[in-house]
């Protein structure tokens, strides 16, 4: 049979200090702060429609679905109806002191109105209708908070 041999000098091993096993990690030259989300760009309220319209930055190219004449007429009518409703709702806020949230709703709604009119001038009635619906929904939210 084979028996394990104990170390020769157990007492001398117990007297030695334990080795330092913690790694030495150098600190970076400057602190790095992590953020959950990138900071929002600051605007002074003078951003034009070109800044708000992603197509103007993309060279003005868009892919618009082909509509039948009946679909195009229906989209034009819906766009006009939504634009009129949004403008009427925005008109209710004129002359009133608005909270920052209400001012933001007005600004976004007007931006969608500009984009919808531009899409209509370009003949992109699907996009114009979608933008007009967004403008109307935001303006209705504004009216609810007045």
C-alpha atoms as a PDB file:
ATOM      1  CA  UNK A   1       0.000   0.000   0.000  1.00  0.00           C
ATOM      2  CA  UNK A   2       1.050   3.518  -0.667  1.00  0.00           C
ATOM      3  CA  UNK A   3       0.752   6.165   1.990  1.00  0.00           C
ATOM      4  CA  UNK A   4       1.058   9.892   1.368  1.00  0.00           C
ATOM      5  CA  UNK A   5       4.060  11.502   2.985  1.00  0.00           C
ATOM      6  CA  UNK A   6       3.494  14.633   5.030  1.00  0.00           C
ATOM      7  CA  UNK A   7       5.747  17.610   4.315  1.00  0.00           C
ATOM      8  CA  UNK A   8       9.012  17.436   6.139  1.00  0.00           C
ATOM      9  CA  UNK A   9       8.857  20.807   7.891  1.00  0.00           C
ATOM     10  CA  UNK A  10       5.196  21.688   8.610  1.00  0.00           C
ATOM     11  CA  UNK A  11       6.050  24.113  11.396  1.00  0.00           C
ATOM     12  CA  UNK A  12       8.193  26.316   9.109  1.00  0.00           C
ATOM     13  CA  UNK A  13       5.397  26.524   6.508  1.00  0.00           C
ATOM     14  CA  UNK A  14       2.842  27.753   9.055  1.00  0.00           C
ATOM     15  CA  UNK A  15       5.125  30.589  10.150  1.00  0.00           C
ATOM     16  CA  UNK A  16       5.435  32.090   6.639  1.00  0.00           C
ATOM     17  CA  UNK A  17       3.025  34.940   5.824  1.00  0.00           C
ATOM     18  CA  UNK A  18       0.375  34.311   3.218  1.00  0.00           C
ATOM     19  CA  UNK A  19       1.223  35.736  -0.207  1.00  0.00           C
ATOM     20  CA  UNK A  20      -0.529  38.939  -1.310  1.00  0.00           C
ATOM     21  CA  UNK A  21      -2.925  37.746  -4.023  1.00  0.00           C
ATOM     22  CA  UNK A  22      -4.753  41.018  -4.694  1.00  0.00           C
ATOM     23  CA  UNK A  23      -4.008  42.356  -8.186  1.00  0.00           C
ATOM     24  CA  UNK A  24      -2.678  45.848  -8.526  1.00  0.00           C
ATOM     25  CA  UNK A  25      -4.901  47.763 -10.955  1.00  0.00           C
ATOM     26  CA  UNK A  26      -3.643  51.198 -11.892  1.00  0.00           C
ATOM     27  CA  UNK A  27      -6.205  54.015 -11.719  1.00  0.00           C
ATOM     28  CA  UNK A  28      -7.082  55.758 -14.976  1.00  0.00           C
ATOM     29  CA  UNK A  29      -5.534  59.196 -15.446  1.00  0.00           C
ATOM     30  CA  UNK A  30      -8.980  60.807 -15.247  1.00  0.00           C
ATOM     31  CA  UNK A  31     -12.367  59.694 -14.047  1.00  0.00           C
ATOM     32  CA  UNK A  32     -14.751  58.207 -16.541  1.00  0.00           C
ATOM     33  CA  UNK A  33     -18.402  58.851 -15.825  1.00  0.00           C
ATOM     34  CA  UNK A  34     -20.968  56.554 -17.350  1.00  0.00           C
ATOM     35  CA  UNK A  35     -24.382  57.902 -18.280  1.00  0.00           C
ATOM     36  CA  UNK A  36     -27.552  55.975 -18.811  1.00  0.00           C
ATOM     37  CA  UNK A  37     -28.434  57.902 -21.963  1.00  0.00           C
ATOM     38  CA  UNK A  38     -26.672  60.483 -24.084  1.00  0.00           C
ATOM     39  CA  UNK A  39     -27.415  64.094 -23.200  1.00  0.00           C
ATOM     40  CA  UNK A  40     -30.192  65.781 -25.147  1.00  0.00           C
ATOM     41  CA  UNK A  41     -29.005  68.477 -27.508  1.00  0.00           C
ATOM     42  CA  UNK A  42     -29.811  71.953 -26.330  1.00  0.00           C
ATOM     43  CA  UNK A  43     -31.853  74.103 -28.640  1.00  0.00           C
ATOM     44  CA  UNK A  44     -32.647  77.740 -28.306  1.00  0.00           C
ATOM     45  CA  UNK A  45     -36.046  77.378 -29.925  1.00  0.00           C
ATOM     46  CA  UNK A  46     -34.903  78.752 -33.276  1.00  0.00           C
ATOM     47  CA  UNK A  47     -34.498  75.402 -34.982  1.00  0.00           C
ATOM     48  CA  UNK A  48     -36.124  75.541 -38.370  1.00  0.00           C
ATOM     49  CA  UNK A  49     -38.247  72.987 -40.118  1.00  0.00           C
ATOM     50  CA  UNK A  50     -35.140  71.699 -41.881  1.00  0.00           C
ATOM     51  CA  UNK A  51     -33.663  70.681 -38.530  1.00  0.00           C
ATOM     52  CA  UNK A  52     -36.810  68.850 -37.513  1.00  0.00           C
ATOM     53  CA  UNK A  53     -37.264  67.086 -40.862  1.00  0.00           C
ATOM     54  CA  UNK A  54     -35.016  64.034 -41.180  1.00  0.00           C
ATOM     55  CA  UNK A  55     -35.504  63.956 -44.958  1.00  0.00           C
ATOM     56  CA  UNK A  56     -33.840  67.315 -45.405  1.00  0.00           C
ATOM     57  CA  UNK A  57     -30.702  65.858 -43.839  1.00  0.00           C
ATOM     58  CA  UNK A  58     -30.949  62.695 -45.962  1.00  0.00           C
ATOM     59  CA  UNK A  59     -30.740  64.585 -49.238  1.00  0.00           C
ATOM     60  CA  UNK A  60     -34.501  64.866 -49.778  1.00  0.00           C
ATOM     61  CA  UNK A  61     -34.962  61.312 -51.041  1.00  0.00           C
ATOM     62  CA  UNK A  62     -38.006  59.405 -49.930  1.00  0.00           C
ATOM     63  CA  UNK A  63     -39.791  56.270 -50.935  1.00  0.00           C
ATOM     64  CA  UNK A  64     -43.513  56.870 -51.165  1.00  0.00           C
ATOM     65  CA  UNK A  65     -45.996  54.064 -51.784  1.00  0.00           C
ATOM     66  CA  UNK A  66     -47.997  54.280 -54.972  1.00  0.00           C
ATOM     67  CA  UNK A  67     -51.653  54.986 -54.275  1.00  0.00           C
ATOM     68  CA  UNK A  68     -54.624  54.518 -56.533  1.00  0.00           C
ATOM     69  CA  UNK A  69     -56.414  57.744 -57.459  1.00  0.00           C
ATOM     70  CA  UNK A  70     -59.209  56.924 -54.980  1.00  0.00           C
ATOM     71  CA  UNK A  71     -56.714  56.231 -52.170  1.00  0.00           C
ATOM     72  CA  UNK A  72     -54.835  59.418 -52.985  1.00  0.00           C
ATOM     73  CA  UNK A  73     -58.042  61.481 -52.861  1.00  0.00           C
ATOM     74  CA  UNK A  74     -59.023  59.904 -49.537  1.00  0.00           C
ATOM     75  CA  UNK A  75     -55.557  60.553 -48.100  1.00  0.00           C
ATOM     76  CA  UNK A  76     -55.711  64.195 -49.248  1.00  0.00           C
ATOM     77  CA  UNK A  77     -59.102  64.682 -47.609  1.00  0.00           C
ATOM     78  CA  UNK A  78     -57.997  63.049 -44.356  1.00  0.00           C
ATOM     79  CA  UNK A  79     -54.816  65.129 -44.346  1.00  0.00           C
ATOM     80  CA  UNK A  80     -56.747  68.369 -44.873  1.00  0.00           C
ATOM     81  CA  UNK A  81     -59.255  67.446 -42.173  1.00  0.00           C
ATOM     82  CA  UNK A  82     -56.518  66.583 -39.647  1.00  0.00           C
ATOM     83  CA  UNK A  83     -54.548  69.745 -40.479  1.00  0.00           C
ATOM     84  CA  UNK A  84     -57.621  71.935 -39.956  1.00  0.00           C
ATOM     85  CA  UNK A  85     -58.440  70.222 -36.644  1.00  0.00           C
ATOM     86  CA  UNK A  86     -54.855  70.580 -35.395  1.00  0.00           C
ATOM     87  CA  UNK A  87     -54.730  74.257 -36.375  1.00  0.00           C
ATOM     88  CA  UNK A  88     -58.053  74.910 -34.619  1.00  0.00           C
ATOM     89  CA  UNK A  89     -56.795  73.204 -31.462  1.00  0.00           C
ATOM     90  CA  UNK A  90     -53.557  75.182 -31.540  1.00  0.00           C
ATOM     91  CA  UNK A  91     -55.577  78.371 -31.984  1.00  0.00           C
ATOM     92  CA  UNK A  92     -57.238  77.718 -28.617  1.00  0.00           C
ATOM     93  CA  UNK A  93     -53.878  78.042 -26.877  1.00  0.00           C
ATOM     94  CA  UNK A  94     -53.053  81.498 -28.271  1.00  0.00           C
ATOM     95  CA  UNK A  95     -52.910  84.211 -25.667  1.00  0.00           C
ATOM     96  CA  UNK A  96     -52.705  81.764 -22.766  1.00  0.00           C
ATOM     97  CA  UNK A  97     -49.854  81.256 -20.368  1.00  0.00           C
ATOM     98  CA  UNK A  98     -48.596  77.749 -21.099  1.00  0.00           C
ATOM     99  CA  UNK A  99     -46.640  75.381 -18.912  1.00  0.00           C
ATOM    100  CA  UNK A 100     -43.382  73.971 -20.283  1.00  0.00           C
ATOM    101  CA  UNK A 101     -45.159  70.711 -21.140  1.00  0.00           C
ATOM    102  CA  UNK A 102     -47.899  72.558 -22.992  1.00  0.00           C
ATOM    103  CA  UNK A 103     -45.330  74.670 -24.859  1.00  0.00           C
ATOM    104  CA  UNK A 104     -43.562  71.486 -25.889  1.00  0.00           C
ATOM    105  CA  UNK A 105     -46.836  70.066 -27.214  1.00  0.00           C
ATOM    106  CA  UNK A 106     -47.416  73.244 -29.233  1.00  0.00           C
ATOM    107  CA  UNK A 107     -43.894  73.158 -30.661  1.00  0.00           C
ATOM    108  CA  UNK A 108     -44.079  69.476 -31.635  1.00  0.00           C
ATOM    109  CA  UNK A 109     -47.542  69.842 -33.111  1.00  0.00           C
ATOM    110  CA  UNK A 110     -46.431  72.809 -35.243  1.00  0.00           C
ATOM    111  CA  UNK A 111     -43.396  70.846 -36.378  1.00  0.00           C
ATOM    112  CA  UNK A 112     -45.616  67.981 -37.522  1.00  0.00           C
ATOM    113  CA  UNK A 113     -47.878  70.481 -39.292  1.00  0.00           C
ATOM    114  CA  UNK A 114     -44.908  71.904 -41.239  1.00  0.00           C
ATOM    115  CA  UNK A 115     -43.690  68.451 -42.160  1.00  0.00           C
ATOM    116  CA  UNK A 116     -47.188  67.362 -43.229  1.00  0.00           C
ATOM    117  CA  UNK A 117     -47.554  70.415 -45.486  1.00  0.00           C
ATOM    118  CA  UNK A 118     -44.152  69.757 -47.022  1.00  0.00           C
ATOM    119  CA  UNK A 119     -45.044  66.102 -47.679  1.00  0.00           C
ATOM    120  CA  UNK A 120     -48.336  67.220 -49.250  1.00  0.00           C
ATOM    121  CA  UNK A 121     -46.490  69.640 -51.562  1.00  0.00           C
ATOM    122  CA  UNK A 122     -44.244  66.739 -52.607  1.00  0.00           C
ATOM    123  CA  UNK A 123     -47.277  64.529 -53.275  1.00  0.00           C
ATOM    124  CA  UNK A 124     -46.432  62.025 -50.513  1.00  0.00           C
ATOM    125  CA  UNK A 125     -49.969  61.741 -49.187  1.00  0.00           C
ATOM    126  CA  UNK A 126     -49.354  58.728 -46.958  1.00  0.00           C
ATOM    127  CA  UNK A 127     -46.605  60.560 -45.078  1.00  0.00           C
ATOM    128  CA  UNK A 128     -48.593  63.801 -45.048  1.00  0.00           C
ATOM    129  CA  UNK A 129     -51.611  62.001 -43.570  1.00  0.00           C
ATOM    130  CA  UNK A 130     -49.497  60.287 -40.890  1.00  0.00           C
ATOM    131  CA  UNK A 131     -47.830  63.553 -39.873  1.00  0.00           C
ATOM    132  CA  UNK A 132     -51.167  65.390 -39.835  1.00  0.00           C
ATOM    133  CA  UNK A 133     -52.626  62.701 -37.559  1.00  0.00           C
ATOM    134  CA  UNK A 134     -49.682  63.132 -35.185  1.00  0.00           C
ATOM    135  CA  UNK A 135     -50.159  66.906 -35.171  1.00  0.00           C
ATOM    136  CA  UNK A 136     -53.856  66.489 -34.447  1.00  0.00           C
ATOM    137  CA  UNK A 137     -53.282  64.021 -31.605  1.00  0.00           C
ATOM    138  CA  UNK A 138     -50.724  66.278 -29.942  1.00  0.00           C
ATOM    139  CA  UNK A 139     -52.990  69.300 -30.323  1.00  0.00           C
ATOM    140  CA  UNK A 140     -55.889  67.362 -28.778  1.00  0.00           C
ATOM    141  CA  UNK A 141     -53.649  66.478 -25.841  1.00  0.00           C
ATOM    142  CA  UNK A 142     -52.849  70.178 -25.506  1.00  0.00           C
ATOM    143  CA  UNK A 143     -56.540  71.098 -25.446  1.00  0.00           C
ATOM    144  CA  UNK A 144     -57.174  68.502 -22.720  1.00  0.00           C
ATOM    145  CA  UNK A 145     -54.517  70.127 -20.519  1.00  0.00           C
ATOM    146  CA  UNK A 146     -55.730  73.719 -21.014  1.00  0.00           C
END
